[in-house]
Amino acid sequence: MNKEATENMEKTVLNSQQPHWENVFSNSSSRFGDEASYPARRAAELFKKEGKTKILELGGGQGRDSCFFANEGFSVHVLDYTESGVRSIKEKAEETGLSGFVKALRHDVRDPLPFEDETFDACYSHMLYCMALTTEELEFLSSEVKRVLNPRGVNIYTARHTGDAHYGTGTLRGEDMYEIKGGFIVHFFSREKVEQLAAGYESFEVEEFEEGELPRKLYLVTIRKED
């Protein structure tokens, strides 16, 4: 198989993750539970300390962190690339009386973000960066987030890293992406990948934490736009 055919096959496999997640969210209304995640709580602390009020969340899933942010007093615009995820977010916001603080849209982050320059005080995403996104697509996303952030805006994201027990297991799908049990493709981050994606920002910080079964090992990355 030539290089072009191989790349086309890999692209088809990566694109198949959208209907896979659509099916996952359709079969469970709380795939990851209803409690706010650790990174969401950490992010909220920083946002409050620095007076960040208008938040963009990428890959909101089923809305556990989206509704947490809204309940903490933030205005949240949340994007997810599944219809079932967006529907779940809207339903949870409505049920908890937070629909006025949560706006959910379906969007693929491989495309330009549907917002004007300097729209948000901060951006947040939990494990969106370690989905089936190539490094080129991640670099584009990082530049798009920077574009929609206000000066001194903060981007906080998490990603599973190469110290995770699943790294190197399953089927290699290009770069450091592996298709693991359940059909999920994970892009495992090295420290160098974090630095690469912070290019063009003023500074970045990295915290390591663990979550869930195995447990999963992740980076919590905070990068800041210049004035």
Protein backbone atom coordinates (compact mmCIF):
# COMPACT_ATOMS: atom_id res chain seq x y z
CA MET A 1 0.00 0.00 0.00
CA ASN A 2 1.47 3.37 -1.02
CA LYS A 3 1.79 6.36 1.30
CA GLU A 4 -1.28 8.18 -0.06
CA ALA A 5 -3.48 5.11 0.31
CA THR A 6 -2.21 4.57 3.87
CA GLU A 7 -2.90 8.20 4.81
CA ASN A 8 -6.41 8.00 3.33
CA MET A 9 -7.13 4.83 5.28
CA GLU A 10 -5.88 6.43 8.52
CA LYS A 11 -8.03 9.51 7.87
CA THR A 12 -11.10 7.30 7.38
CA VAL A 13 -10.41 5.54 10.68
CA LEU A 14 -9.95 8.84 12.53
CA ASN A 15 -13.15 10.27 11.03
CA SER A 16 -15.08 7.21 12.21
CA GLN A 17 -14.71 8.42 15.79
CA GLN A 18 -17.57 10.92 15.38
CA PRO A 19 -20.32 8.30 14.85
CA HIS A 20 -18.64 6.13 17.49
CA TRP A 21 -18.98 8.87 20.13
CA GLU A 22 -22.48 9.64 18.86
CA ASN A 23 -23.44 6.05 19.64
CA VAL A 24 -21.70 6.10 23.04
CA PHE A 25 -23.53 9.25 24.19
CA SER A 26 -26.85 8.04 22.80
CA ASN A 27 -26.64 4.87 24.91
CA SER A 28 -25.84 6.61 28.21
CA SER A 29 -26.95 9.98 29.54
CA SER A 30 -24.04 10.18 32.01
CA ARG A 31 -21.10 8.33 30.47
CA PHE A 32 -18.60 10.08 32.77
CA GLY A 33 -20.92 10.79 35.68
CA ASP A 34 -22.58 14.03 36.75
CA GLU A 35 -20.00 15.40 39.17
CA ALA A 36 -17.60 18.09 37.97
CA SER A 37 -14.16 16.80 37.02
CA TYR A 38 -11.00 17.69 38.92
CA PRO A 39 -9.65 19.90 36.10
CA ALA A 40 -12.97 21.80 35.93
CA ARG A 41 -12.77 22.58 39.63
CA ARG A 42 -9.14 23.69 39.28
CA ALA A 43 -10.02 25.82 36.25
CA ALA A 44 -12.92 27.48 38.07
CA GLU A 45 -10.60 28.47 40.92
CA LEU A 46 -8.23 30.18 38.50
CA PHE A 47 -11.02 31.82 36.48
CA LYS A 48 -12.54 33.31 39.63
CA LYS A 49 -9.18 34.49 40.93
CA GLU A 50 -8.44 36.29 37.67
CA GLY A 51 -11.95 37.59 37.03
CA LYS A 52 -12.59 35.46 33.94
CA THR A 53 -16.34 35.31 33.32
CA LYS A 54 -16.96 34.36 29.69
CA ILE A 55 -15.81 30.80 29.05
CA LEU A 56 -15.52 28.65 25.93
CA GLU A 57 -15.62 24.90 26.53
CA LEU A 58 -14.49 22.52 23.78
CA GLY A 59 -15.72 18.94 23.63
CA GLY A 60 -18.33 19.37 26.35
CA GLY A 61 -19.50 15.76 26.09
CA GLN A 62 -22.68 15.46 28.11
CA GLY A 63 -22.29 18.67 30.06
CA ARG A 64 -21.07 17.73 33.54
CA ASP A 65 -18.39 20.45 33.51
CA SER A 66 -20.49 22.87 31.44
CA CYS A 67 -23.26 22.93 34.06
CA PHE A 68 -20.71 23.13 36.87
CA PHE A 69 -19.19 26.28 35.35
CA ALA A 70 -22.63 27.81 34.85
CA ASN A 71 -23.61 27.02 38.43
CA GLU A 72 -20.42 28.75 39.57
CA GLY A 73 -21.54 31.94 37.85
CA PHE A 74 -19.73 31.74 34.51
CA SER A 75 -21.27 32.34 31.09
CA VAL A 76 -20.44 29.22 29.05
CA HIS A 77 -20.41 28.61 25.31
CA VAL A 78 -19.81 24.91 24.78
CA LEU A 79 -19.01 23.05 21.56
CA ASP A 80 -19.27 19.32 20.89
CA TYR A 81 -19.20 17.42 17.62
CA THR A 82 -22.01 15.03 18.48
CA GLU A 83 -25.70 15.85 18.23
CA SER A 84 -26.42 13.62 21.22
CA GLY A 85 -23.84 15.46 23.33
CA VAL A 86 -25.25 18.89 22.48
CA ARG A 87 -28.77 17.64 23.18
CA SER A 88 -27.69 16.24 26.55
CA ILE A 89 -25.97 19.50 27.53
CA LYS A 90 -29.06 21.54 26.69
CA GLU A 91 -31.33 19.15 28.58
CA LYS A 92 -29.13 19.20 31.70
CA ALA A 93 -28.90 22.99 31.62
CA GLU A 94 -32.68 23.22 31.30
CA GLU A 95 -33.30 20.72 34.12
CA THR A 96 -31.01 22.60 36.50
CA GLY A 97 -32.28 26.07 35.62
CA LEU A 98 -29.00 27.05 33.96
CA SER A 99 -30.09 27.35 30.33
CA GLY A 100 -29.58 31.10 30.44
CA PHE A 101 -25.89 30.59 31.20
CA VAL A 102 -25.10 27.69 28.84
CA LYS A 103 -25.14 27.90 25.05
CA ALA A 104 -24.34 24.60 23.29
CA LEU A 105 -23.51 24.19 19.60
CA ARG A 106 -22.45 21.28 17.44
CA HIS A 107 -19.02 21.94 15.93
CA ASP A 108 -15.98 20.02 14.70
CA VAL A 109 -12.84 21.64 16.16
CA ARG A 110 -10.92 20.75 13.02
CA ASP A 111 -12.84 23.65 11.44
CA PRO A 112 -12.41 27.34 12.37
CA LEU A 113 -14.11 28.23 15.65
CA PRO A 114 -17.44 30.01 14.98
CA PHE A 115 -16.59 33.13 16.98
CA GLU A 116 -15.06 36.54 16.42
CA ASP A 117 -11.56 37.45 17.56
CA GLU A 118 -11.12 38.16 21.29
CA THR A 119 -14.56 36.86 22.32
CA PHE A 120 -13.70 34.86 25.45
CA ASP A 121 -11.81 35.33 28.71
CA ALA A 122 -10.82 31.67 28.90
CA CYS A 123 -11.06 28.34 27.14
CA TYR A 124 -11.41 24.94 28.81
CA SER A 125 -11.43 21.36 27.55
CA HIS A 126 -11.14 18.01 29.31
CA MET A 127 -9.55 15.28 27.14
CA LEU A 128 -10.63 16.94 23.88
CA TYR A 129 -7.00 17.48 22.85
CA CYS A 130 -6.23 13.76 23.18
CA MET A 131 -9.01 12.66 20.86
CA ALA A 132 -8.38 11.48 17.27
CA LEU A 133 -6.73 14.74 16.20
CA THR A 134 -3.45 14.87 14.31
CA THR A 135 -0.67 17.18 15.47
CA GLU A 136 -1.38 19.45 12.51
CA GLU A 137 -5.04 19.68 13.53
CA LEU A 138 -4.05 20.34 17.14
CA GLU A 139 -1.73 23.15 16.07
CA PHE A 140 -4.59 24.69 14.08
CA LEU A 141 -6.93 24.35 17.07
CA SER A 142 -4.37 25.94 19.38
CA SER A 143 -4.05 28.94 17.04
CA GLU A 144 -7.85 29.24 16.78
CA VAL A 145 -8.23 29.22 20.57
CA LYS A 146 -5.58 31.92 20.80
CA ARG A 147 -7.49 33.96 18.22
CA VAL A 148 -10.79 33.93 20.14
CA LEU A 149 -9.19 34.65 23.53
CA ASN A 150 -8.96 38.15 24.94
CA PRO A 151 -5.50 39.50 25.81
CA ARG A 152 -4.20 37.63 28.89
CA GLY A 153 -6.81 34.97 28.16
CA VAL A 154 -6.17 31.49 29.49
CA ASN A 155 -6.50 28.12 27.76
CA ILE A 156 -6.75 25.13 30.11
CA TYR A 157 -6.82 21.65 28.63
CA THR A 158 -6.11 18.08 29.66
CA ALA A 159 -4.63 15.19 27.70
CA ARG A 160 -3.56 11.66 28.50
CA HIS A 161 0.22 11.40 28.34
CA THR A 162 2.81 8.85 27.34
CA GLY A 163 3.15 7.59 30.93
CA ASP A 164 -0.41 6.24 30.75
CA ALA A 165 -0.83 2.45 30.95
CA HIS A 166 -2.69 2.40 27.60
CA TYR A 167 0.12 4.14 25.72
CA GLY A 168 1.62 1.81 23.12
CA THR A 169 -1.23 -0.71 23.40
CA GLY A 170 -3.94 -1.54 20.89
CA THR A 171 -3.65 -0.49 17.25
CA LEU A 172 -1.35 2.34 16.18
CA ARG A 173 -3.31 4.93 14.19
CA GLY A 174 -0.45 7.29 13.34
CA GLU A 175 1.81 9.56 15.40
CA ASP A 176 1.16 8.74 19.10
CA MET A 177 -2.46 7.73 18.50
CA TYR A 178 -3.64 4.27 19.53
CA GLU A 179 -7.02 2.65 19.16
CA ILE A 180 -7.62 1.02 22.53
CA LYS A 181 -10.33 -1.18 24.02
CA GLY A 182 -13.83 -0.04 23.13
CA GLY A 183 -12.79 1.42 19.78
CA PHE A 184 -11.60 4.73 21.22
CA ILE A 185 -8.62 6.43 19.57
CA VAL A 186 -6.40 8.33 22.01
CA HIS A 187 -3.62 10.76 21.11
CA PHE A 188 -1.06 10.43 23.92
CA PHE A 189 0.92 13.57 24.69
CA SER A 190 4.61 13.93 25.41
CA ARG A 191 5.99 16.96 27.23
CA GLU A 192 7.42 18.06 23.88
CA LYS A 193 3.93 17.98 22.34
CA VAL A 194 2.67 20.31 25.08
CA GLU A 195 5.52 22.74 24.39
CA GLN A 196 4.86 22.55 20.65
CA LEU A 197 1.21 23.47 21.08
CA ALA A 198 2.10 26.37 23.37
CA ALA A 199 3.99 28.09 20.55
CA GLY A 200 2.78 31.66 20.13
CA TYR A 201 1.48 31.90 23.69
CA GLU A 202 3.23 33.83 26.44
CA SER A 203 3.65 30.97 28.92
CA PHE A 204 2.48 27.52 29.93
CA GLU A 205 2.33 25.38 33.06
CA VAL A 206 1.85 21.61 33.37
CA GLU A 207 0.42 19.60 36.25
CA GLU A 208 0.14 15.80 36.26
CA PHE A 209 -2.91 14.08 37.73
CA GLU A 210 -4.74 10.76 37.63
CA GLU A 211 -8.39 10.00 36.95
CA GLY A 212 -10.71 7.00 36.67
CA GLU A 213 -9.77 3.40 36.07
CA LEU A 214 -6.20 2.14 35.45
CA PRO A 215 -5.93 5.07 36.50
CA ARG A 216 -5.66 7.28 33.43
CA LYS A 217 -2.63 9.56 33.65
CA LEU A 218 -3.07 13.08 32.32
CA TYR A 219 -1.49 16.47 31.92
CA LEU A 220 -3.41 19.53 33.06
CA VAL A 221 -2.01 22.31 30.88
CA THR A 222 -2.51 26.04 31.41
CA ILE A 223 -1.32 28.33 28.61
CA ARG A 224 -1.70 32.08 28.60
CA LYS A 225 -2.11 34.56 25.75
CA GLU A 226 0.08 37.64 25.81
CA ASP A 227 -1.27 41.14 26.55
